[in-house]
Amino acid sequence: MKAYNPNSHGDGNLGFQIAPMIDVVFVIMLFFMVMAGAVKVERELNQRLPGTVDSSKSVEFTDEVVINIAENGEVLLNDEPMDAKGGHQMPRLTGALMRLKQSADAAKSPTLVTVLSEPEAKYARTVDVLDALAAAEITNVTFTVAEEEE
């Protein structure tokens, strides 16, 4: 028998070693088995989202009335001129708003009014328009300011 000598230069070719390859495969398989348990299962949420409308029913859209207040005090109802620029009483606007309110009540639809005022319009003219809206008993009013053109 030959004694083992670490300084001897032998062939060194041990051939294909399958044992380390099997160890690597087992480590990879163990990794995937552990990670498979960490995956969260998505569950279905049975909820109805808002905004779905049956198509068999008719949908009613409400008309919006726009009241423009110009810098010079002119008041327009849907681009139609109303009362004189200087008067605080606005009988034409009040009458038109009352007819609008009556027709909206008869149709059982809300009355939507947007007051569009130019930036340099007098505040007193806006108060006159609000008085006309109050006389017509219209409460659903939105205010906005006209954008300046550049």
N, C-alpha and C. Protein backbone atom coordinates (compact mmCIF):
# COMPACT_ATOMS: atom_id res chain seq x y z
N MET A 1 0.79 -1.17 0.00
CA MET A 1 0.00 0.00 0.00
C MET A 1 0.83 1.24 0.00
N LYS A 2 0.34 2.19 -0.74
CA LYS A 2 1.06 3.44 -0.83
C LYS A 2 0.52 4.38 0.22
N ALA A 3 1.41 5.12 0.78
CA ALA A 3 0.98 6.12 1.76
C ALA A 3 0.60 7.40 1.02
N TYR A 4 -0.33 8.11 1.62
CA TYR A 4 -0.81 9.35 1.01
C TYR A 4 0.24 10.42 1.17
N ASN A 5 0.61 11.06 0.07
CA ASN A 5 1.60 12.12 0.09
C ASN A 5 0.96 13.35 -0.56
N PRO A 6 0.69 14.42 0.25
CA PRO A 6 0.04 15.60 -0.32
C PRO A 6 0.92 16.34 -1.32
N ASN A 7 2.20 16.14 -1.35
CA ASN A 7 3.10 16.84 -2.26
C ASN A 7 3.24 16.13 -3.58
N SER A 8 2.68 14.99 -3.71
CA SER A 8 2.83 14.27 -4.97
C SER A 8 1.86 14.85 -5.99
N HIS A 9 2.29 14.93 -7.20
CA HIS A 9 1.46 15.47 -8.27
C HIS A 9 0.88 14.30 -9.04
N GLY A 10 -0.37 14.01 -8.70
CA GLY A 10 -1.03 12.89 -9.34
C GLY A 10 -1.84 13.36 -10.53
N ASP A 11 -2.67 12.48 -10.99
CA ASP A 11 -3.49 12.73 -12.17
C ASP A 11 -4.46 13.87 -11.90
N GLY A 12 -5.16 13.90 -10.80
CA GLY A 12 -6.08 14.98 -10.43
C GLY A 12 -7.42 14.88 -11.10
N ASN A 13 -7.64 14.04 -12.05
CA ASN A 13 -8.92 13.89 -12.73
C ASN A 13 -9.76 12.90 -11.95
N LEU A 14 -10.75 13.39 -11.24
CA LEU A 14 -11.60 12.54 -10.44
C LEU A 14 -12.86 12.14 -11.18
N GLY A 15 -13.14 12.74 -12.35
CA GLY A 15 -14.34 12.43 -13.12
C GLY A 15 -15.49 13.36 -12.74
N PHE A 16 -16.62 13.09 -13.29
CA PHE A 16 -17.80 13.91 -13.03
C PHE A 16 -18.35 13.56 -11.67
N GLN A 17 -18.47 14.57 -10.80
CA GLN A 17 -18.97 14.37 -9.45
C GLN A 17 -20.46 14.72 -9.41
N ILE A 18 -21.31 13.76 -9.20
CA ILE A 18 -22.75 13.98 -9.21
C ILE A 18 -23.29 14.37 -7.84
N ALA A 19 -22.62 14.04 -6.78
CA ALA A 19 -23.11 14.32 -5.44
C ALA A 19 -23.27 15.83 -5.19
N PRO A 20 -22.30 16.69 -5.57
CA PRO A 20 -22.52 18.13 -5.36
C PRO A 20 -23.68 18.68 -6.21
N MET A 21 -23.90 18.10 -7.38
CA MET A 21 -25.00 18.55 -8.23
C MET A 21 -26.35 18.20 -7.58
N ILE A 22 -26.43 17.04 -6.98
CA ILE A 22 -27.67 16.64 -6.31
C ILE A 22 -27.92 17.54 -5.11
N ASP A 23 -26.86 17.91 -4.40
CA ASP A 23 -27.00 18.83 -3.27
C ASP A 23 -27.54 20.19 -3.73
N VAL A 24 -27.05 20.70 -4.84
CA VAL A 24 -27.51 21.99 -5.37
C VAL A 24 -28.99 21.90 -5.77
N VAL A 25 -29.38 20.81 -6.41
CA VAL A 25 -30.77 20.63 -6.82
C VAL A 25 -31.68 20.57 -5.59
N PHE A 26 -31.25 19.88 -4.54
CA PHE A 26 -32.05 19.81 -3.32
C PHE A 26 -32.18 21.17 -2.64
N VAL A 27 -31.13 21.96 -2.64
CA VAL A 27 -31.19 23.30 -2.04
C VAL A 27 -32.16 24.19 -2.83
N ILE A 28 -32.10 24.13 -4.17
CA ILE A 28 -33.02 24.92 -5.00
C ILE A 28 -34.46 24.46 -4.78
N MET A 29 -34.67 23.15 -4.72
CA MET A 29 -36.01 22.62 -4.51
C MET A 29 -36.53 23.04 -3.12
N LEU A 30 -35.68 23.01 -2.12
CA LEU A 30 -36.07 23.45 -0.78
C LEU A 30 -36.45 24.93 -0.78
N PHE A 31 -35.71 25.76 -1.51
CA PHE A 31 -36.01 27.20 -1.61
C PHE A 31 -37.40 27.42 -2.22
N PHE A 32 -37.70 26.74 -3.30
CA PHE A 32 -39.00 26.92 -3.95
C PHE A 32 -40.14 26.38 -3.10
N MET A 33 -39.89 25.32 -2.34
CA MET A 33 -40.95 24.79 -1.47
C MET A 33 -41.26 25.77 -0.35
N VAL A 34 -40.23 26.40 0.21
CA VAL A 34 -40.44 27.36 1.28
C VAL A 34 -41.13 28.62 0.75
N MET A 35 -40.73 29.08 -0.42
CA MET A 35 -41.32 30.30 -0.98
C MET A 35 -42.74 30.08 -1.46
N ALA A 36 -43.11 28.88 -1.82
CA ALA A 36 -44.49 28.61 -2.25
C ALA A 36 -45.46 28.81 -1.11
N GLY A 37 -45.06 28.57 0.11
CA GLY A 37 -45.93 28.78 1.26
C GLY A 37 -46.09 30.25 1.59
N ALA A 38 -45.18 31.13 1.15
CA ALA A 38 -45.22 32.54 1.46
C ALA A 38 -46.07 33.34 0.48
N VAL A 39 -46.55 32.73 -0.59
CA VAL A 39 -47.35 33.43 -1.58
C VAL A 39 -48.74 33.70 -1.00
N LYS A 40 -49.19 34.95 -1.08
CA LYS A 40 -50.51 35.31 -0.57
C LYS A 40 -51.55 35.00 -1.63
N VAL A 41 -52.62 34.38 -1.20
CA VAL A 41 -53.69 34.04 -2.10
C VAL A 41 -54.63 35.24 -2.20
N GLU A 42 -54.91 35.68 -3.43
CA GLU A 42 -55.84 36.78 -3.62
C GLU A 42 -57.25 36.27 -3.50
N ARG A 43 -58.04 37.01 -2.79
CA ARG A 43 -59.43 36.62 -2.62
C ARG A 43 -60.32 37.59 -3.39
N GLU A 44 -61.43 37.09 -3.88
CA GLU A 44 -62.36 37.91 -4.63
C GLU A 44 -63.22 38.71 -3.66
N LEU A 45 -63.29 40.01 -3.90
CA LEU A 45 -64.13 40.87 -3.09
C LEU A 45 -65.46 41.07 -3.81
N ASN A 46 -66.52 40.64 -3.21
CA ASN A 46 -67.83 40.78 -3.82
C ASN A 46 -68.42 42.13 -3.43
N GLN A 47 -68.10 43.15 -4.21
CA GLN A 47 -68.60 44.48 -3.93
C GLN A 47 -69.08 45.11 -5.22
N ARG A 48 -70.13 45.91 -5.11
CA ARG A 48 -70.62 46.64 -6.26
C ARG A 48 -69.97 48.01 -6.25
N LEU A 49 -69.43 48.39 -7.38
CA LEU A 49 -68.81 49.70 -7.50
C LEU A 49 -69.88 50.72 -7.83
N PRO A 50 -69.73 51.94 -7.34
CA PRO A 50 -70.73 52.97 -7.64
C PRO A 50 -70.66 53.38 -9.11
N GLY A 51 -71.78 53.84 -9.60
CA GLY A 51 -71.79 54.37 -10.96
C GLY A 51 -72.38 53.43 -11.99
N THR A 52 -72.82 52.27 -11.59
CA THR A 52 -73.43 51.38 -12.57
C THR A 52 -74.90 51.72 -12.69
N VAL A 53 -75.38 51.81 -13.92
CA VAL A 53 -76.76 52.17 -14.20
C VAL A 53 -77.34 51.11 -15.11
N ASP A 54 -78.55 50.66 -14.79
CA ASP A 54 -79.22 49.72 -15.68
C ASP A 54 -79.55 50.43 -16.98
N SER A 55 -79.27 49.77 -18.08
CA SER A 55 -79.52 50.41 -19.37
C SER A 55 -80.99 50.37 -19.76
N SER A 56 -81.79 49.58 -19.07
CA SER A 56 -83.21 49.50 -19.40
C SER A 56 -83.98 50.73 -18.91
N LYS A 57 -83.43 51.43 -17.91
CA LYS A 57 -84.09 52.63 -17.39
C LYS A 57 -83.62 53.85 -18.16
N SER A 58 -84.51 54.83 -18.30
CA SER A 58 -84.11 56.07 -18.95
C SER A 58 -83.43 56.97 -17.93
N VAL A 59 -82.40 57.67 -18.37
CA VAL A 59 -81.65 58.56 -17.50
C VAL A 59 -82.02 59.99 -17.86
N GLU A 60 -82.44 60.76 -16.87
CA GLU A 60 -82.81 62.15 -17.11
C GLU A 60 -81.63 63.05 -16.76
N PHE A 61 -81.32 63.94 -17.67
CA PHE A 61 -80.26 64.90 -17.44
C PHE A 61 -80.90 66.26 -17.16
N THR A 62 -80.37 66.95 -16.17
CA THR A 62 -80.91 68.25 -15.84
C THR A 62 -80.18 69.32 -16.65
N ASP A 63 -80.93 70.33 -17.05
CA ASP A 63 -80.34 71.44 -17.77
C ASP A 63 -79.78 72.43 -16.76
N GLU A 64 -78.66 72.99 -17.11
CA GLU A 64 -78.03 73.98 -16.25
C GLU A 64 -78.24 75.35 -16.87
N VAL A 65 -78.66 76.29 -16.06
CA VAL A 65 -78.86 77.67 -16.51
C VAL A 65 -77.64 78.46 -16.08
N VAL A 66 -77.10 79.26 -17.01
CA VAL A 66 -75.91 80.07 -16.72
C VAL A 66 -76.31 81.54 -16.76
N ILE A 67 -76.01 82.24 -15.67
CA ILE A 67 -76.23 83.69 -15.60
C ILE A 67 -74.88 84.36 -15.64
N ASN A 68 -74.63 85.15 -16.69
CA ASN A 68 -73.37 85.87 -16.85
C ASN A 68 -73.53 87.29 -16.33
N ILE A 69 -72.56 87.75 -15.55
CA ILE A 69 -72.53 89.13 -15.07
C ILE A 69 -71.29 89.78 -15.66
N ALA A 70 -71.50 90.77 -16.56
CA ALA A 70 -70.39 91.42 -17.24
C ALA A 70 -69.83 92.55 -16.38
N GLU A 71 -68.67 93.05 -16.77
CA GLU A 71 -68.02 94.15 -16.04
C GLU A 71 -68.87 95.41 -16.06
N ASN A 72 -69.60 95.64 -17.16
CA ASN A 72 -70.40 96.86 -17.28
C ASN A 72 -71.76 96.73 -16.60
N GLY A 73 -72.04 95.60 -15.94
CA GLY A 73 -73.29 95.42 -15.21
C GLY A 73 -74.36 94.70 -16.00
N GLU A 74 -74.07 94.34 -17.24
CA GLU A 74 -75.05 93.63 -18.06
C GLU A 74 -75.21 92.20 -17.55
N VAL A 75 -76.45 91.74 -17.47
CA VAL A 75 -76.75 90.40 -16.99
C VAL A 75 -77.35 89.60 -18.14
N LEU A 76 -76.76 88.42 -18.39
CA LEU A 76 -77.23 87.55 -19.48
C LEU A 76 -77.71 86.24 -18.88
N LEU A 77 -78.88 85.79 -19.31
CA LEU A 77 -79.40 84.48 -18.90
C LEU A 77 -79.29 83.57 -20.10
N ASN A 78 -78.36 82.59 -20.05
CA ASN A 78 -78.07 81.72 -21.19
C ASN A 78 -77.79 82.54 -22.44
N ASP A 79 -76.94 83.55 -22.31
CA ASP A 79 -76.51 84.45 -23.39
C ASP A 79 -77.62 85.32 -23.94
N GLU A 80 -78.72 85.48 -23.23
CA GLU A 80 -79.81 86.37 -23.63
C GLU A 80 -79.83 87.55 -22.67
N PRO A 81 -79.76 88.78 -23.18
CA PRO A 81 -79.74 89.95 -22.29
C PRO A 81 -81.02 90.05 -21.46
N MET A 82 -80.84 90.45 -20.20
CA MET A 82 -81.98 90.62 -19.30
C MET A 82 -82.18 92.10 -19.02
N ASP A 83 -82.46 92.48 -17.80
CA ASP A 83 -82.87 93.84 -17.41
C ASP A 83 -81.79 94.89 -17.66
N ALA A 84 -82.20 96.16 -17.51
CA ALA A 84 -81.30 97.30 -17.73
C ALA A 84 -80.10 97.22 -16.79
N LYS A 85 -79.01 97.85 -17.22
CA LYS A 85 -77.76 97.76 -16.48
C LYS A 85 -77.81 98.47 -15.13
N GLY A 86 -78.55 99.54 -15.02
CA GLY A 86 -78.50 100.35 -13.81
C GLY A 86 -79.49 99.96 -12.74
N GLY A 87 -80.57 99.30 -13.06
CA GLY A 87 -81.62 99.05 -12.08
C GLY A 87 -81.30 97.90 -11.14
N HIS A 88 -81.68 98.08 -9.89
CA HIS A 88 -81.47 97.02 -8.91
C HIS A 88 -82.58 95.97 -8.99
N GLN A 89 -83.78 96.40 -9.36
CA GLN A 89 -84.88 95.45 -9.54
C GLN A 89 -84.69 94.77 -10.90
N MET A 90 -84.81 93.47 -10.93
CA MET A 90 -84.62 92.72 -12.17
C MET A 90 -85.87 91.90 -12.47
N PRO A 91 -86.94 92.55 -12.95
CA PRO A 91 -88.20 91.83 -13.14
C PRO A 91 -88.14 90.79 -14.26
N ARG A 92 -87.42 91.05 -15.34
CA ARG A 92 -87.33 90.06 -16.44
C ARG A 92 -86.59 88.81 -15.98
N LEU A 93 -85.45 89.01 -15.28
CA LEU A 93 -84.67 87.87 -14.78
C LEU A 93 -85.45 87.10 -13.74
N THR A 94 -86.10 87.81 -12.83
CA THR A 94 -86.89 87.15 -11.79
C THR A 94 -88.03 86.34 -12.40
N GLY A 95 -88.72 86.90 -13.39
CA GLY A 95 -89.81 86.19 -14.05
C GLY A 95 -89.32 84.95 -14.79
N ALA A 96 -88.18 85.09 -15.48
CA ALA A 96 -87.63 83.93 -16.20
C ALA A 96 -87.20 82.83 -15.23
N LEU A 97 -86.62 83.22 -14.11
CA LEU A 97 -86.19 82.23 -13.12
C LEU A 97 -87.39 81.56 -12.44
N MET A 98 -88.47 82.31 -12.23
CA MET A 98 -89.68 81.71 -11.64
C MET A 98 -90.30 80.68 -12.60
N ARG A 99 -90.34 81.03 -13.89
CA ARG A 99 -90.86 80.06 -14.88
C ARG A 99 -89.97 78.82 -14.94
N LEU A 100 -88.66 79.02 -14.86
CA LEU A 100 -87.74 77.89 -14.88
C LEU A 100 -87.96 77.00 -13.67
N LYS A 101 -88.13 77.62 -12.50
CA LYS A 101 -88.36 76.85 -11.26
C LYS A 101 -89.68 76.07 -11.34
N GLN A 102 -90.74 76.71 -11.86
CA GLN A 102 -92.03 76.03 -11.98
C GLN A 102 -91.96 74.85 -12.94
N SER A 103 -91.28 75.02 -14.08
CA SER A 103 -91.18 73.91 -15.04
C SER A 103 -90.30 72.79 -14.49
N ALA A 104 -89.25 73.13 -13.74
CA ALA A 104 -88.41 72.10 -13.14
C ALA A 104 -89.16 71.34 -12.06
N ASP A 105 -89.98 72.05 -11.25
CA ASP A 105 -90.78 71.39 -10.23
C ASP A 105 -91.83 70.48 -10.86
N ALA A 106 -92.42 70.91 -11.97
CA ALA A 106 -93.42 70.09 -12.65
C ALA A 106 -92.78 68.83 -13.23
N ALA A 107 -91.54 68.94 -13.69
CA ALA A 107 -90.83 67.78 -14.24
C ALA A 107 -90.12 66.98 -13.17
N LYS A 108 -90.20 67.45 -11.91
CA LYS A 108 -89.53 66.80 -10.78
C LYS A 108 -88.03 66.63 -11.00
N SER A 109 -87.42 67.68 -11.53
CA SER A 109 -85.98 67.68 -11.73
C SER A 109 -85.39 68.88 -11.01
N PRO A 110 -84.15 68.79 -10.58
CA PRO A 110 -83.55 69.91 -9.85
C PRO A 110 -83.26 71.10 -10.76
N THR A 111 -83.29 72.27 -10.19
CA THR A 111 -82.96 73.50 -10.91
C THR A 111 -81.52 73.85 -10.60
N LEU A 112 -80.67 73.80 -11.60
CA LEU A 112 -79.25 74.10 -11.43
C LEU A 112 -78.93 75.43 -12.08
N VAL A 113 -78.35 76.33 -11.32
CA VAL A 113 -77.99 77.66 -11.82
C VAL A 113 -76.53 77.91 -11.51
N THR A 114 -75.78 78.37 -12.52
CA THR A 114 -74.39 78.78 -12.33
C THR A 114 -74.29 80.27 -12.60
N VAL A 115 -73.76 81.00 -11.65
CA VAL A 115 -73.55 82.44 -11.80
C VAL A 115 -72.09 82.63 -12.20
N LEU A 116 -71.89 83.14 -13.40
CA LEU A 116 -70.55 83.34 -13.96
C LEU A 116 -70.28 84.84 -13.98
N SER A 117 -69.39 85.27 -13.11
CA SER A 117 -69.11 86.69 -12.96
C SER A 117 -67.72 87.00 -13.48
N GLU A 118 -67.62 88.10 -14.20
CA GLU A 118 -66.29 88.52 -14.67
C GLU A 118 -65.53 89.12 -13.49
N PRO A 119 -64.21 89.08 -13.51
CA PRO A 119 -63.42 89.51 -12.34
C PRO A 119 -63.66 90.96 -11.92
N GLU A 120 -63.95 91.86 -12.84
CA GLU A 120 -64.11 93.28 -12.51
C GLU A 120 -65.58 93.68 -12.36
N ALA A 121 -66.50 92.71 -12.32
CA ALA A 121 -67.92 93.02 -12.17
C ALA A 121 -68.19 93.54 -10.77
N LYS A 122 -69.19 94.44 -10.67
CA LYS A 122 -69.55 95.02 -9.38
C LYS A 122 -70.22 93.97 -8.50
N TYR A 123 -69.87 93.99 -7.24
CA TYR A 123 -70.45 93.04 -6.29
C TYR A 123 -71.95 93.30 -6.10
N ALA A 124 -72.35 94.57 -6.21
CA ALA A 124 -73.77 94.92 -6.04
C ALA A 124 -74.62 94.25 -7.13
N ARG A 125 -74.06 94.09 -8.32
CA ARG A 125 -74.82 93.44 -9.40
C ARG A 125 -74.99 91.95 -9.09
N THR A 126 -74.00 91.34 -8.47
CA THR A 126 -74.12 89.94 -8.07
C THR A 126 -75.19 89.80 -6.99
N VAL A 127 -75.28 90.77 -6.10
CA VAL A 127 -76.32 90.75 -5.06
C VAL A 127 -77.70 90.88 -5.70
N ASP A 128 -77.82 91.70 -6.75
CA ASP A 128 -79.10 91.83 -7.46
C ASP A 128 -79.51 90.49 -8.07
N VAL A 129 -78.55 89.78 -8.64
CA VAL A 129 -78.84 88.46 -9.23
C VAL A 129 -79.24 87.49 -8.13
N LEU A 130 -78.57 87.54 -6.99
CA LEU A 130 -78.92 86.66 -5.87
C LEU A 130 -80.32 86.97 -5.34
N ASP A 131 -80.70 88.24 -5.34
CA ASP A 131 -82.06 88.61 -4.93
C ASP A 131 -83.09 88.01 -5.88
N ALA A 132 -82.80 88.03 -7.17
CA ALA A 132 -83.71 87.44 -8.15
C ALA A 132 -83.81 85.93 -7.96
N LEU A 133 -82.70 85.29 -7.65
CA LEU A 133 -82.71 83.84 -7.39
C LEU A 133 -83.50 83.53 -6.13
N ALA A 134 -83.38 84.36 -5.12
CA ALA A 134 -84.12 84.15 -3.87
C ALA A 134 -85.62 84.35 -4.09
N ALA A 135 -85.98 85.32 -4.92
CA ALA A 135 -87.39 85.55 -5.21
C ALA A 135 -88.00 84.36 -5.95
N ALA A 136 -87.18 83.70 -6.78
CA ALA A 136 -87.66 82.53 -7.52
C ALA A 136 -87.54 81.25 -6.69
N GLU A 137 -87.01 81.36 -5.48
CA GLU A 137 -86.81 80.24 -4.56
C GLU A 137 -85.91 79.15 -5.14
N ILE A 138 -84.85 79.58 -5.82
CA ILE A 138 -83.85 78.67 -6.37
C ILE A 138 -82.68 78.63 -5.40
N THR A 139 -82.37 77.44 -4.90
CA THR A 139 -81.32 77.32 -3.88
C THR A 139 -80.07 76.59 -4.38
N ASN A 140 -80.15 75.89 -5.48
CA ASN A 140 -79.01 75.14 -5.99
C ASN A 140 -78.22 76.03 -6.94
N VAL A 141 -77.32 76.85 -6.39
CA VAL A 141 -76.59 77.85 -7.16
C VAL A 141 -75.10 77.60 -7.01
N THR A 142 -74.39 77.69 -8.13
CA THR A 142 -72.94 77.53 -8.15
C THR A 142 -72.34 78.84 -8.66
N PHE A 143 -71.24 79.27 -8.05
CA PHE A 143 -70.56 80.49 -8.46
C PHE A 143 -69.25 80.15 -9.13
N THR A 144 -68.91 80.92 -10.14
CA THR A 144 -67.61 80.78 -10.79
C THR A 144 -67.20 82.13 -11.35
N VAL A 145 -65.93 82.29 -11.65
CA VAL A 145 -65.41 83.53 -12.19
C VAL A 145 -64.93 83.24 -13.60
N ALA A 146 -65.24 84.14 -14.52
CA ALA A 146 -64.81 83.99 -15.91
C ALA A 146 -63.30 84.05 -15.99
N GLU A 147 -62.74 83.18 -16.80
CA GLU A 147 -61.29 83.14 -16.97
C GLU A 147 -60.87 84.27 -17.92
N GLU A 148 -59.76 84.92 -17.60
CA GLU A 148 -59.27 86.00 -18.47
C GLU A 148 -58.56 85.37 -19.65
N GLU A 149 -58.84 85.91 -20.84
CA GLU A 149 -58.19 85.41 -22.06
C GLU A 149 -56.83 86.05 -22.17
N GLU A 150 -55.86 85.25 -22.60
CA GLU A 150 -54.49 85.77 -22.72
C GLU A 150 -54.13 85.92 -24.17
